[in-house]
Amino acid sequence: MQLAGIAFIAIGILYIVKPDLFRRWIWTRTSIAQRALSPQGYLNYMRILGGVIILVGIFIVIKG
């Protein structure tokens, strides 16, 4: 279970460091957030999502 928490933390860090990774390279033009938000709003959304994912990962590591 701790491995899953560490994976969540790593993904969250990736979202914070490279928030445009999924928009430009992996999932182009598929997310509703990409279409609904301005470019800066989307970057803020991805960074906040990364922070939430990191918190979930920390919770899993502590709980597990």
C-alpha atoms as a PDB file:
ATOM      1  CA  MET A   1       0.000   0.000   0.000  1.00  0.00           C
ATOM      2  CA  GLN A   2       2.889   2.354   0.629  1.00  0.00           C
ATOM      3  CA  LEU A   3       4.015   1.887  -2.960  1.00  0.00           C
ATOM      4  CA  ALA A   4       0.666   3.260  -4.134  1.00  0.00           C
ATOM      5  CA  GLY A   5       1.084   6.280  -1.853  1.00  0.00           C
ATOM      6  CA  ILE A   6       4.568   6.916  -3.188  1.00  0.00           C
ATOM      7  CA  ALA A   7       3.220   6.655  -6.748  1.00  0.00           C
ATOM      8  CA  PHE A   8       0.532   9.232  -5.923  1.00  0.00           C
ATOM      9  CA  ILE A   9       3.161  11.562  -4.491  1.00  0.00           C
ATOM     10  CA  ALA A  10       5.333  11.169  -7.601  1.00  0.00           C
ATOM     11  CA  ILE A  11       2.387  11.881  -9.920  1.00  0.00           C
ATOM     12  CA  GLY A  12       1.421  14.908  -7.841  1.00  0.00           C
ATOM     13  CA  ILE A  13       4.949  16.282  -8.046  1.00  0.00           C
ATOM     14  CA  LEU A  14       4.896  15.722 -11.803  1.00  0.00           C
ATOM     15  CA  TYR A  15       1.623  17.685 -12.045  1.00  0.00           C
ATOM     16  CA  ILE A  16       3.111  20.584 -10.082  1.00  0.00           C
ATOM     17  CA  VAL A  17       6.442  20.693 -11.920  1.00  0.00           C
ATOM     18  CA  LYS A  18       5.115  20.057 -15.453  1.00  0.00           C
ATOM     19  CA  PRO A  19       1.420  21.017 -15.441  1.00  0.00           C
ATOM     20  CA  ASP A  20       1.283  21.262 -19.227  1.00  0.00           C
ATOM     21  CA  LEU A  21       2.759  17.796 -19.819  1.00  0.00           C
ATOM     22  CA  PHE A  22      -0.598  16.121 -20.328  1.00  0.00           C
ATOM     23  CA  ARG A  23      -2.071  18.925 -22.385  1.00  0.00           C
ATOM     24  CA  ARG A  24       0.752  19.033 -24.885  1.00  0.00           C
ATOM     25  CA  TRP A  25       2.065  15.488 -25.071  1.00  0.00           C
ATOM     26  CA  ILE A  26      -0.179  12.773 -23.676  1.00  0.00           C
ATOM     27  CA  TRP A  27      -3.863  13.745 -23.710  1.00  0.00           C
ATOM     28  CA  THR A  28      -4.212  16.537 -26.224  1.00  0.00           C
ATOM     29  CA  ARG A  29      -7.617  18.192 -26.430  1.00  0.00           C
ATOM     30  CA  THR A  30      -9.497  15.593 -24.401  1.00  0.00           C
ATOM     31  CA  SER A  31      -9.983  17.201 -21.011  1.00  0.00           C
ATOM     32  CA  ILE A  32     -13.027  19.346 -20.295  1.00  0.00           C
ATOM     33  CA  ALA A  33     -10.777  21.497 -18.090  1.00  0.00           C
ATOM     34  CA  GLN A  34      -8.519  22.153 -21.070  1.00  0.00           C
ATOM     35  CA  ARG A  35     -11.440  23.416 -23.131  1.00  0.00           C
ATOM     36  CA  ALA A  36     -13.225  25.337 -20.372  1.00  0.00           C
ATOM     37  CA  LEU A  37     -10.328  27.146 -18.707  1.00  0.00           C
ATOM     38  CA  SER A  38      -7.907  29.753 -19.959  1.00  0.00           C
ATOM     39  CA  PRO A  39      -4.314  28.563 -20.410  1.00  0.00           C
ATOM     40  CA  GLN A  40      -3.262  30.135 -17.098  1.00  0.00           C
ATOM     41  CA  GLY A  41      -6.383  28.793 -15.384  1.00  0.00           C
ATOM     42  CA  TYR A  42      -5.583  25.312 -16.631  1.00  0.00           C
ATOM     43  CA  LEU A  43      -2.032  25.519 -15.253  1.00  0.00           C
ATOM     44  CA  ASN A  44      -3.405  26.626 -11.874  1.00  0.00           C
ATOM     45  CA  TYR A  45      -5.964  23.795 -11.956  1.00  0.00           C
ATOM     46  CA  MET A  46      -3.260  21.195 -12.648  1.00  0.00           C
ATOM     47  CA  ARG A  47      -1.022  22.536  -9.884  1.00  0.00           C
ATOM     48  CA  ILE A  48      -3.870  22.430  -7.359  1.00  0.00           C
ATOM     49  CA  LEU A  49      -4.761  18.932  -8.526  1.00  0.00           C
ATOM     50  CA  GLY A  50      -1.110  17.927  -8.048  1.00  0.00           C
ATOM     51  CA  GLY A  51      -1.197  19.253  -4.497  1.00  0.00           C
ATOM     52  CA  VAL A  52      -4.349  17.299  -3.725  1.00  0.00           C
ATOM     53  CA  ILE A  53      -2.832  14.124  -5.183  1.00  0.00           C
ATOM     54  CA  ILE A  54       0.287  14.621  -3.032  1.00  0.00           C
ATOM     55  CA  LEU A  55      -1.890  14.973   0.074  1.00  0.00           C
ATOM     56  CA  VAL A  56      -3.758  11.778  -0.813  1.00  0.00           C
ATOM     57  CA  GLY A  57      -0.433  10.007  -1.323  1.00  0.00           C
ATOM     58  CA  ILE A  58       0.862  11.184   2.058  1.00  0.00           C
ATOM     59  CA  PHE A  59      -2.351  10.003   3.691  1.00  0.00           C
ATOM     60  CA  ILE A  60      -2.001   6.566   2.065  1.00  0.00           C
ATOM     61  CA  VAL A  61       1.634   6.265   3.170  1.00  0.00           C
ATOM     62  CA  ILE A  62       0.806   7.239   6.757  1.00  0.00           C
ATOM     63  CA  LYS A  63      -2.340   5.103   6.914  1.00  0.00           C
ATOM     64  CA  GLY A  64      -0.822   2.094   5.115  1.00  0.00           C
END
